[in-house]
Amino acid sequence: MRRSRAFLALPAALALIGADEPQLVPDVSQREVVIQYSFTGADLLLFGAIVYPDGRRPDKPADIVVVLKGPEQSITMREKQKVAGIWVNADTARFRSAPSFYAMASSRPIDRIVDERTAAIYELGLDKLQLSPSSLNESAELSRFQSGLVDLRARSGLFVERPGTVEITDGVLYRARLPLSARVIVGDYTAETFLVQDGRVVAAAVRDITVRKSGFEQFIASAAEHWSFVYGLVAIAMAVGMGWAAGAIARRI
């Protein structure tokens, strides 16, 4: 009897833990994004509610930061230099864990929400990404390569920052839109939401998003991954066939 009472009291005790802190109830408009031949990108809506203890909202409004991240990649950056009129590879830098996609939106500019240390811990902002360099370059060189990587991916739509675009209604409901580039890779993505009060992250929640291919694109990707040798032979045969056909048409004309 005592053991059964203890088990009945356990959920209530767990519910009381952290009851003084607000909670986030997030969601996303699409849990699965399907890439087809006509895919031109997607516009994801991240929304949710802030649940305060006993329904009491703080006198000072809280801030919301949402971050959408793609699978991590290992990337080697190469810097080209012109030597004797020829462009050649010069310095290189390798990063072990660069996100393939990163998008962030916040209710206010990040530097007005949290300090530098907190922003670095939670990777809030493109300049706070922890790319884990594996090369032995000097810090100045690594900083230059990291800036170059961020700039390249930002121009490709793979790195996005939208400060001041999270809408908070009545201090409880929030929503933000983040673009998903047509160049994203397939894999598991995470949509993170952070509730910030007085410069401190008081609550966080994560929702998972899957990006996958379908139709002919999925067949090609699966064939290249699981039957690479056959896929290579078919690709060569198709290239030779198309070249022969183009030559035959040209001779007739």
C-alpha atoms as a PDB file:
ATOM      1  CA  MET A   1       0.000   0.000   0.000  1.00  0.00           C
ATOM      2  CA  ARG A   2       2.776   2.407   0.907  1.00  0.00           C
ATOM      3  CA  ARG A   3       4.582   1.620  -2.352  1.00  0.00           C
ATOM      4  CA  SER A   4       1.425   2.259  -4.418  1.00  0.00           C
ATOM      5  CA  ARG A   5       0.875   5.578  -2.652  1.00  0.00           C
ATOM      6  CA  ALA A   6       4.471   6.534  -3.380  1.00  0.00           C
ATOM      7  CA  PHE A   7       3.985   5.834  -7.086  1.00  0.00           C
ATOM      8  CA  LEU A   8       0.766   7.856  -7.112  1.00  0.00           C
ATOM      9  CA  ALA A   9       2.513  10.768  -5.422  1.00  0.00           C
ATOM     10  CA  LEU A  10       5.482  10.704  -7.821  1.00  0.00           C
ATOM     11  CA  PRO A  11       3.795  12.448 -10.795  1.00  0.00           C
ATOM     12  CA  ALA A  12       2.507  15.201  -8.520  1.00  0.00           C
ATOM     13  CA  ALA A  13       5.967  15.704  -7.056  1.00  0.00           C
ATOM     14  CA  LEU A  14       7.523  15.869 -10.514  1.00  0.00           C
ATOM     15  CA  ALA A  15       4.923  18.405 -11.613  1.00  0.00           C
ATOM     16  CA  LEU A  16       5.914  20.650  -8.724  1.00  0.00           C
ATOM     17  CA  ILE A  17       9.584  20.576  -9.741  1.00  0.00           C
ATOM     18  CA  GLY A  18      10.311  23.697 -11.739  1.00  0.00           C
ATOM     19  CA  ALA A  19       6.740  24.958 -11.177  1.00  0.00           C
ATOM     20  CA  ASP A  20       8.120  28.414 -10.460  1.00  0.00           C
ATOM     21  CA  GLU A  21       9.573  28.638 -13.958  1.00  0.00           C
ATOM     22  CA  PRO A  22       7.520  29.263 -17.108  1.00  0.00           C
ATOM     23  CA  GLN A  23       7.156  26.527 -19.710  1.00  0.00           C
ATOM     24  CA  LEU A  24       7.081  26.600 -23.512  1.00  0.00           C
ATOM     25  CA  VAL A  25       4.535  24.751 -25.635  1.00  0.00           C
ATOM     26  CA  PRO A  26       5.978  25.020 -29.162  1.00  0.00           C
ATOM     27  CA  ASP A  27       4.937  23.649 -32.519  1.00  0.00           C
ATOM     28  CA  VAL A  28       5.834  24.019 -36.184  1.00  0.00           C
ATOM     29  CA  SER A  29       3.627  24.242 -39.261  1.00  0.00           C
ATOM     30  CA  GLN A  30       5.357  21.278 -40.966  1.00  0.00           C
ATOM     31  CA  ARG A  31       6.930  18.327 -39.195  1.00  0.00           C
ATOM     32  CA  GLU A  32       7.953  16.866 -42.552  1.00  0.00           C
ATOM     33  CA  VAL A  33       9.209  18.699 -45.643  1.00  0.00           C
ATOM     34  CA  VAL A  34       9.186  16.725 -48.894  1.00  0.00           C
ATOM     35  CA  ILE A  35      11.638  17.669 -51.654  1.00  0.00           C
ATOM     36  CA  GLN A  36      10.428  17.038 -55.202  1.00  0.00           C
ATOM     37  CA  TYR A  37      11.680  18.202 -58.597  1.00  0.00           C
ATOM     38  CA  SER A  38       9.586  21.365 -58.273  1.00  0.00           C
ATOM     39  CA  PHE A  39      10.753  22.211 -54.737  1.00  0.00           C
ATOM     40  CA  THR A  40      11.646  25.910 -54.479  1.00  0.00           C
ATOM     41  CA  GLY A  41      11.937  26.161 -50.720  1.00  0.00           C
ATOM     42  CA  ALA A  42       9.462  26.346 -47.859  1.00  0.00           C
ATOM     43  CA  ASP A  43       8.246  28.920 -45.368  1.00  0.00           C
ATOM     44  CA  LEU A  44       8.019  27.375 -41.900  1.00  0.00           C
ATOM     45  CA  LEU A  45       5.857  28.860 -39.165  1.00  0.00           C
ATOM     46  CA  LEU A  46       7.189  28.330 -35.640  1.00  0.00           C
ATOM     47  CA  PHE A  47       4.573  29.145 -33.046  1.00  0.00           C
ATOM     48  CA  GLY A  48       3.491  28.307 -29.536  1.00  0.00           C
ATOM     49  CA  ALA A  49       2.527  29.530 -26.105  1.00  0.00           C
ATOM     50  CA  ILE A  50       4.255  30.559 -22.901  1.00  0.00           C
ATOM     51  CA  VAL A  51       2.728  28.964 -19.797  1.00  0.00           C
ATOM     52  CA  TYR A  52       3.457  30.946 -16.636  1.00  0.00           C
ATOM     53  CA  PRO A  53       3.070  29.533 -13.102  1.00  0.00           C
ATOM     54  CA  ASP A  54      -0.467  30.199 -11.850  1.00  0.00           C
ATOM     55  CA  GLY A  55      -1.074  32.190 -15.026  1.00  0.00           C
ATOM     56  CA  ARG A  56       0.831  35.215 -13.672  1.00  0.00           C
ATOM     57  CA  ARG A  57       2.718  37.093 -16.371  1.00  0.00           C
ATOM     58  CA  PRO A  58       5.842  39.043 -15.370  1.00  0.00           C
ATOM     59  CA  ASP A  59       5.726  42.809 -15.278  1.00  0.00           C
ATOM     60  CA  LYS A  60       8.567  42.981 -17.795  1.00  0.00           C
ATOM     61  CA  PRO A  61       7.789  41.202 -21.090  1.00  0.00           C
ATOM     62  CA  ALA A  62       9.930  38.200 -21.933  1.00  0.00           C
ATOM     63  CA  ASP A  63      11.737  37.625 -25.215  1.00  0.00           C
ATOM     64  CA  ILE A  64      11.573  34.700 -27.618  1.00  0.00           C
ATOM     65  CA  VAL A  65      14.366  33.350 -29.824  1.00  0.00           C
ATOM     66  CA  VAL A  66      13.739  30.564 -32.342  1.00  0.00           C
ATOM     67  CA  VAL A  67      16.520  28.667 -34.121  1.00  0.00           C
ATOM     68  CA  LEU A  68      16.149  26.211 -36.991  1.00  0.00           C
ATOM     69  CA  LYS A  69      19.192  23.969 -37.548  1.00  0.00           C
ATOM     70  CA  GLY A  70      20.045  21.376 -40.152  1.00  0.00           C
ATOM     71  CA  PRO A  71      22.354  18.344 -39.949  1.00  0.00           C
ATOM     72  CA  GLU A  72      25.989  19.094 -39.197  1.00  0.00           C
ATOM     73  CA  GLN A  73      28.662  18.724 -41.863  1.00  0.00           C
ATOM     74  CA  SER A  74      32.440  18.553 -42.033  1.00  0.00           C
ATOM     75  CA  ILE A  75      33.643  21.312 -44.366  1.00  0.00           C
ATOM     76  CA  THR A  76      37.031  22.223 -45.785  1.00  0.00           C
ATOM     77  CA  MET A  77      37.436  25.846 -46.844  1.00  0.00           C
ATOM     78  CA  ARG A  78      40.102  26.719 -49.404  1.00  0.00           C
ATOM     79  CA  GLU A  79      41.416  30.153 -50.194  1.00  0.00           C
ATOM     80  CA  LYS A  80      42.525  30.756 -53.772  1.00  0.00           C
ATOM     81  CA  GLN A  81      45.390  33.006 -54.788  1.00  0.00           C
ATOM     82  CA  LYS A  82      46.600  34.091 -58.211  1.00  0.00           C
ATOM     83  CA  VAL A  83      50.136  32.887 -58.901  1.00  0.00           C
ATOM     84  CA  ALA A  84      51.731  33.668 -62.275  1.00  0.00           C
ATOM     85  CA  GLY A  85      48.311  34.355 -63.717  1.00  0.00           C
ATOM     86  CA  ILE A  86      46.846  31.042 -62.490  1.00  0.00           C
ATOM     87  CA  TRP A  87      44.393  30.630 -59.614  1.00  0.00           C
ATOM     88  CA  VAL A  88      45.673  27.980 -57.180  1.00  0.00           C
ATOM     89  CA  ASN A  89      44.629  26.754 -53.740  1.00  0.00           C
ATOM     90  CA  ALA A  90      46.507  28.503 -50.941  1.00  0.00           C
ATOM     91  CA  ASP A  91      45.499  28.325 -47.270  1.00  0.00           C
ATOM     92  CA  THR A  92      42.881  25.859 -46.057  1.00  0.00           C
ATOM     93  CA  ALA A  93      40.813  25.400 -42.911  1.00  0.00           C
ATOM     94  CA  ARG A  94      38.634  22.477 -41.855  1.00  0.00           C
ATOM     95  CA  PHE A  95      35.525  22.695 -39.668  1.00  0.00           C
ATOM     96  CA  ARG A  96      34.155  19.497 -38.149  1.00  0.00           C
ATOM     97  CA  SER A  97      30.605  20.528 -37.210  1.00  0.00           C
ATOM     98  CA  ALA A  98      29.225  23.282 -39.406  1.00  0.00           C
ATOM     99  CA  PRO A  99      25.421  23.257 -39.635  1.00  0.00           C
ATOM    100  CA  SER A 100      24.197  22.636 -43.169  1.00  0.00           C
ATOM    101  CA  PHE A 101      21.402  25.118 -42.471  1.00  0.00           C
ATOM    102  CA  TYR A 102      20.888  27.745 -39.779  1.00  0.00           C
ATOM    103  CA  ALA A 103      18.067  30.243 -39.393  1.00  0.00           C
ATOM    104  CA  MET A 104      17.311  32.404 -36.373  1.00  0.00           C
ATOM    105  CA  ALA A 105      14.562  34.846 -35.485  1.00  0.00           C
ATOM    106  CA  SER A 106      14.146  36.840 -32.285  1.00  0.00           C
ATOM    107  CA  SER A 107      11.724  39.300 -30.749  1.00  0.00           C
ATOM    108  CA  ARG A 108      14.516  41.893 -30.438  1.00  0.00           C
ATOM    109  CA  PRO A 109      18.148  42.130 -31.547  1.00  0.00           C
ATOM    110  CA  ILE A 110      20.174  39.443 -29.775  1.00  0.00           C
ATOM    111  CA  ASP A 111      22.596  41.908 -28.175  1.00  0.00           C
ATOM    112  CA  ARG A 112      19.619  43.525 -26.423  1.00  0.00           C
ATOM    113  CA  ILE A 113      18.296  40.183 -25.138  1.00  0.00           C
ATOM    114  CA  VAL A 114      21.325  38.280 -23.799  1.00  0.00           C
ATOM    115  CA  ASP A 115      24.994  38.911 -23.122  1.00  0.00           C
ATOM    116  CA  GLU A 116      27.867  37.567 -25.230  1.00  0.00           C
ATOM    117  CA  ARG A 117      28.442  34.521 -23.021  1.00  0.00           C
ATOM    118  CA  THR A 118      24.817  33.370 -23.088  1.00  0.00           C
ATOM    119  CA  ALA A 119      24.589  33.915 -26.831  1.00  0.00           C
ATOM    120  CA  ALA A 120      27.718  31.801 -27.324  1.00  0.00           C
ATOM    121  CA  ILE A 121      26.430  28.974 -25.093  1.00  0.00           C
ATOM    122  CA  TYR A 122      23.148  28.647 -27.016  1.00  0.00           C
ATOM    123  CA  GLU A 123      24.638  29.627 -30.420  1.00  0.00           C
ATOM    124  CA  LEU A 124      22.282  32.547 -30.853  1.00  0.00           C
ATOM    125  CA  GLY A 125      23.518  34.279 -33.976  1.00  0.00           C
ATOM    126  CA  LEU A 126      25.729  33.496 -36.944  1.00  0.00           C
ATOM    127  CA  ASP A 127      28.775  34.956 -35.218  1.00  0.00           C
ATOM    128  CA  LYS A 128      28.223  32.573 -32.276  1.00  0.00           C
ATOM    129  CA  LEU A 129      28.209  29.304 -34.221  1.00  0.00           C
ATOM    130  CA  GLN A 130      30.620  26.720 -32.812  1.00  0.00           C
ATOM    131  CA  LEU A 131      32.136  25.180 -35.948  1.00  0.00           C
ATOM    132  CA  SER A 132      34.833  23.109 -34.170  1.00  0.00           C
ATOM    133  CA  PRO A 133      37.884  23.838 -36.349  1.00  0.00           C
ATOM    134  CA  SER A 134      40.205  20.847 -36.727  1.00  0.00           C
ATOM    135  CA  SER A 135      43.054  22.587 -38.535  1.00  0.00           C
ATOM    136  CA  LEU A 136      45.988  24.246 -36.795  1.00  0.00           C
ATOM    137  CA  ASN A 137      45.533  27.668 -38.342  1.00  0.00           C
ATOM    138  CA  GLU A 138      46.132  30.808 -36.338  1.00  0.00           C
ATOM    139  CA  SER A 139      43.076  32.353 -34.690  1.00  0.00           C
ATOM    140  CA  ALA A 140      43.087  35.281 -37.123  1.00  0.00           C
ATOM    141  CA  GLU A 141      43.068  32.900 -40.093  1.00  0.00           C
ATOM    142  CA  LEU A 142      40.314  30.744 -38.587  1.00  0.00           C
ATOM    143  CA  SER A 143      38.219  33.844 -37.976  1.00  0.00           C
ATOM    144  CA  ARG A 144      38.687  34.868 -41.611  1.00  0.00           C
ATOM    145  CA  PHE A 145      37.719  31.421 -42.891  1.00  0.00           C
ATOM    146  CA  GLN A 146      34.700  31.273 -40.576  1.00  0.00           C
ATOM    147  CA  SER A 147      33.529  34.676 -41.778  1.00  0.00           C
ATOM    148  CA  GLY A 148      33.973  33.475 -45.355  1.00  0.00           C
ATOM    149  CA  LEU A 149      31.925  30.333 -44.702  1.00  0.00           C
ATOM    150  CA  VAL A 150      29.123  32.319 -43.062  1.00  0.00           C
ATOM    151  CA  ASP A 151      29.107  34.813 -45.938  1.00  0.00           C
ATOM    152  CA  LEU A 152      28.960  32.090 -48.610  1.00  0.00           C
ATOM    153  CA  ARG A 153      26.096  30.260 -46.924  1.00  0.00           C
ATOM    154  CA  ALA A 154      24.218  33.470 -46.190  1.00  0.00           C
ATOM    155  CA  ARG A 155      24.350  34.389 -49.879  1.00  0.00           C
ATOM    156  CA  SER A 156      23.051  30.898 -50.712  1.00  0.00           C
ATOM    157  CA  GLY A 157      20.115  31.293 -48.324  1.00  0.00           C
ATOM    158  CA  LEU A 158      21.434  28.570 -46.025  1.00  0.00           C
ATOM    159  CA  PHE A 159      22.282  30.942 -43.150  1.00  0.00           C
ATOM    160  CA  VAL A 160      19.559  33.388 -42.130  1.00  0.00           C
ATOM    161  CA  GLU A 161      19.152  35.928 -39.330  1.00  0.00           C
ATOM    162  CA  ARG A 162      15.896  37.787 -38.702  1.00  0.00           C
ATOM    163  CA  PRO A 163      16.129  39.830 -35.510  1.00  0.00           C
ATOM    164  CA  GLY A 164      12.979  41.554 -34.341  1.00  0.00           C
ATOM    165  CA  THR A 165      10.614  39.351 -36.367  1.00  0.00           C
ATOM    166  CA  VAL A 166       9.148  37.134 -33.622  1.00  0.00           C
ATOM    167  CA  GLU A 167       5.632  38.356 -32.803  1.00  0.00           C
ATOM    168  CA  ILE A 168       4.466  37.985 -29.203  1.00  0.00           C
ATOM    169  CA  THR A 169       0.756  38.507 -28.533  1.00  0.00           C
ATOM    170  CA  ASP A 170      -0.488  39.394 -25.054  1.00  0.00           C
ATOM    171  CA  GLY A 171       2.830  38.188 -23.651  1.00  0.00           C
ATOM    172  CA  VAL A 172       1.704  34.588 -24.097  1.00  0.00           C
ATOM    173  CA  LEU A 173       1.412  33.579 -27.760  1.00  0.00           C
ATOM    174  CA  TYR A 174       4.319  33.842 -30.170  1.00  0.00           C
ATOM    175  CA  ARG A 175       4.957  33.164 -33.829  1.00  0.00           C
ATOM    176  CA  ALA A 176       7.814  33.504 -36.308  1.00  0.00           C
ATOM    177  CA  ARG A 177       8.395  32.577 -39.929  1.00  0.00           C
ATOM    178  CA  LEU A 178      11.686  31.183 -41.146  1.00  0.00           C
ATOM    179  CA  PRO A 179      12.555  30.370 -44.761  1.00  0.00           C
ATOM    180  CA  LEU A 180      13.856  26.939 -45.701  1.00  0.00           C
ATOM    181  CA  SER A 181      16.117  27.243 -48.740  1.00  0.00           C
ATOM    182  CA  ALA A 182      15.648  25.076 -51.827  1.00  0.00           C
ATOM    183  CA  ARG A 183      19.312  24.068 -51.373  1.00  0.00           C
ATOM    184  CA  VAL A 184      18.829  22.284 -48.043  1.00  0.00           C
ATOM    185  CA  ILE A 185      20.006  18.714 -47.678  1.00  0.00           C
ATOM    186  CA  VAL A 186      17.860  15.841 -46.476  1.00  0.00           C
ATOM    187  CA  GLY A 187      18.042  14.797 -42.846  1.00  0.00           C
ATOM    188  CA  ASP A 188      16.786  15.616 -39.383  1.00  0.00           C
ATOM    189  CA  TYR A 189      16.350  19.282 -38.455  1.00  0.00           C
ATOM    190  CA  THR A 190      15.608  20.834 -35.067  1.00  0.00           C
ATOM    191  CA  ALA A 191      13.427  23.828 -34.292  1.00  0.00           C
ATOM    192  CA  GLU A 192      14.567  25.241 -30.936  1.00  0.00           C
ATOM    193  CA  THR A 193      12.667  27.860 -28.963  1.00  0.00           C
ATOM    194  CA  PHE A 194      14.229  29.843 -26.108  1.00  0.00           C
ATOM    195  CA  LEU A 195      12.363  31.964 -23.572  1.00  0.00           C
ATOM    196  CA  VAL A 196      14.580  34.735 -22.209  1.00  0.00           C
ATOM    197  CA  GLN A 197      13.772  36.794 -19.105  1.00  0.00           C
ATOM    198  CA  ASP A 198      16.120  39.498 -17.774  1.00  0.00           C
ATOM    199  CA  GLY A 199      18.974  38.205 -19.940  1.00  0.00           C
ATOM    200  CA  ARG A 200      18.580  34.616 -18.723  1.00  0.00           C
ATOM    201  CA  VAL A 201      17.241  31.619 -20.654  1.00  0.00           C
ATOM    202  CA  VAL A 202      14.471  30.372 -18.367  1.00  0.00           C
ATOM    203  CA  ALA A 203      12.871  27.806 -20.680  1.00  0.00           C
ATOM    204  CA  ALA A 204      13.700  25.940 -23.876  1.00  0.00           C
ATOM    205  CA  ALA A 205      11.918  23.427 -26.075  1.00  0.00           C
ATOM    206  CA  VAL A 206      12.696  21.510 -29.268  1.00  0.00           C
ATOM    207  CA  ARG A 207      10.602  20.161 -32.121  1.00  0.00           C
ATOM    208  CA  ASP A 208      11.991  17.822 -34.770  1.00  0.00           C
ATOM    209  CA  ILE A 209      11.537  18.337 -38.509  1.00  0.00           C
ATOM    210  CA  THR A 210      12.370  15.799 -41.205  1.00  0.00           C
ATOM    211  CA  VAL A 211      13.439  16.839 -44.684  1.00  0.00           C
ATOM    212  CA  ARG A 212      13.303  14.016 -47.235  1.00  0.00           C
ATOM    213  CA  LYS A 213      13.119  13.424 -50.948  1.00  0.00           C
ATOM    214  CA  SER A 214      10.285  11.658 -52.736  1.00  0.00           C
ATOM    215  CA  GLY A 215       9.466  10.351 -56.181  1.00  0.00           C
ATOM    216  CA  PHE A 216      12.211  10.139 -58.791  1.00  0.00           C
ATOM    217  CA  GLU A 217      14.603  12.232 -56.677  1.00  0.00           C
ATOM    218  CA  GLN A 218      14.307   9.729 -53.829  1.00  0.00           C
ATOM    219  CA  PHE A 219      14.945   6.836 -56.215  1.00  0.00           C
ATOM    220  CA  ILE A 220      18.097   8.475 -57.608  1.00  0.00           C
ATOM    221  CA  ALA A 221      19.424   9.326 -54.129  1.00  0.00           C
ATOM    222  CA  SER A 222      18.694   5.812 -52.841  1.00  0.00           C
ATOM    223  CA  ALA A 223      20.322   4.202 -55.877  1.00  0.00           C
ATOM    224  CA  ALA A 224      23.455   6.338 -55.515  1.00  0.00           C
ATOM    225  CA  GLU A 225      23.726   5.422 -51.832  1.00  0.00           C
ATOM    226  CA  HIS A 226      22.898   1.707 -51.869  1.00  0.00           C
ATOM    227  CA  TRP A 227      23.924   0.587 -55.386  1.00  0.00           C
ATOM    228  CA  SER A 228      26.735   3.004 -56.145  1.00  0.00           C
ATOM    229  CA  PHE A 229      28.532   0.707 -58.620  1.00  0.00           C
ATOM    230  CA  VAL A 230      25.409   0.010 -60.687  1.00  0.00           C
ATOM    231  CA  TYR A 231      24.418   3.664 -60.441  1.00  0.00           C
ATOM    232  CA  GLY A 232      27.815   4.687 -61.835  1.00  0.00           C
ATOM    233  CA  LEU A 233      27.567   2.232 -64.744  1.00  0.00           C
ATOM    234  CA  VAL A 234      24.067   3.426 -65.629  1.00  0.00           C
ATOM    235  CA  ALA A 235      25.153   7.067 -65.435  1.00  0.00           C
ATOM    236  CA  ILE A 236      28.104   6.362 -67.779  1.00  0.00           C
ATOM    237  CA  ALA A 237      25.880   4.429 -70.186  1.00  0.00           C
ATOM    238  CA  MET A 238      23.338   7.252 -70.259  1.00  0.00           C
ATOM    239  CA  ALA A 239      26.062   9.840 -70.879  1.00  0.00           C
ATOM    240  CA  VAL A 240      27.536   7.764 -73.736  1.00  0.00           C
ATOM    241  CA  GLY A 241      24.090   7.146 -75.217  1.00  0.00           C
ATOM    242  CA  MET A 242      23.120  10.811 -75.107  1.00  0.00           C
ATOM    243  CA  GLY A 243      26.454  11.777 -76.671  1.00  0.00           C
ATOM    244  CA  TRP A 244      26.016   9.229 -79.465  1.00  0.00           C
ATOM    245  CA  ALA A 245      22.433  10.420 -80.073  1.00  0.00           C
ATOM    246  CA  ALA A 246      23.529  14.057 -80.207  1.00  0.00           C
ATOM    247  CA  GLY A 247      26.296  13.166 -82.690  1.00  0.00           C
ATOM    248  CA  ALA A 248      23.881  11.199 -84.891  1.00  0.00           C
ATOM    249  CA  ILE A 249      21.408  14.075 -84.993  1.00  0.00           C
ATOM    250  CA  ALA A 250      24.194  16.535 -85.821  1.00  0.00           C
ATOM    251  CA  ARG A 251      25.394  14.363 -88.746  1.00  0.00           C
ATOM    252  CA  ARG A 252      21.930  14.215 -90.217  1.00  0.00           C
ATOM    253  CA  ILE A 253      21.525  17.983 -90.009  1.00  0.00           C
END
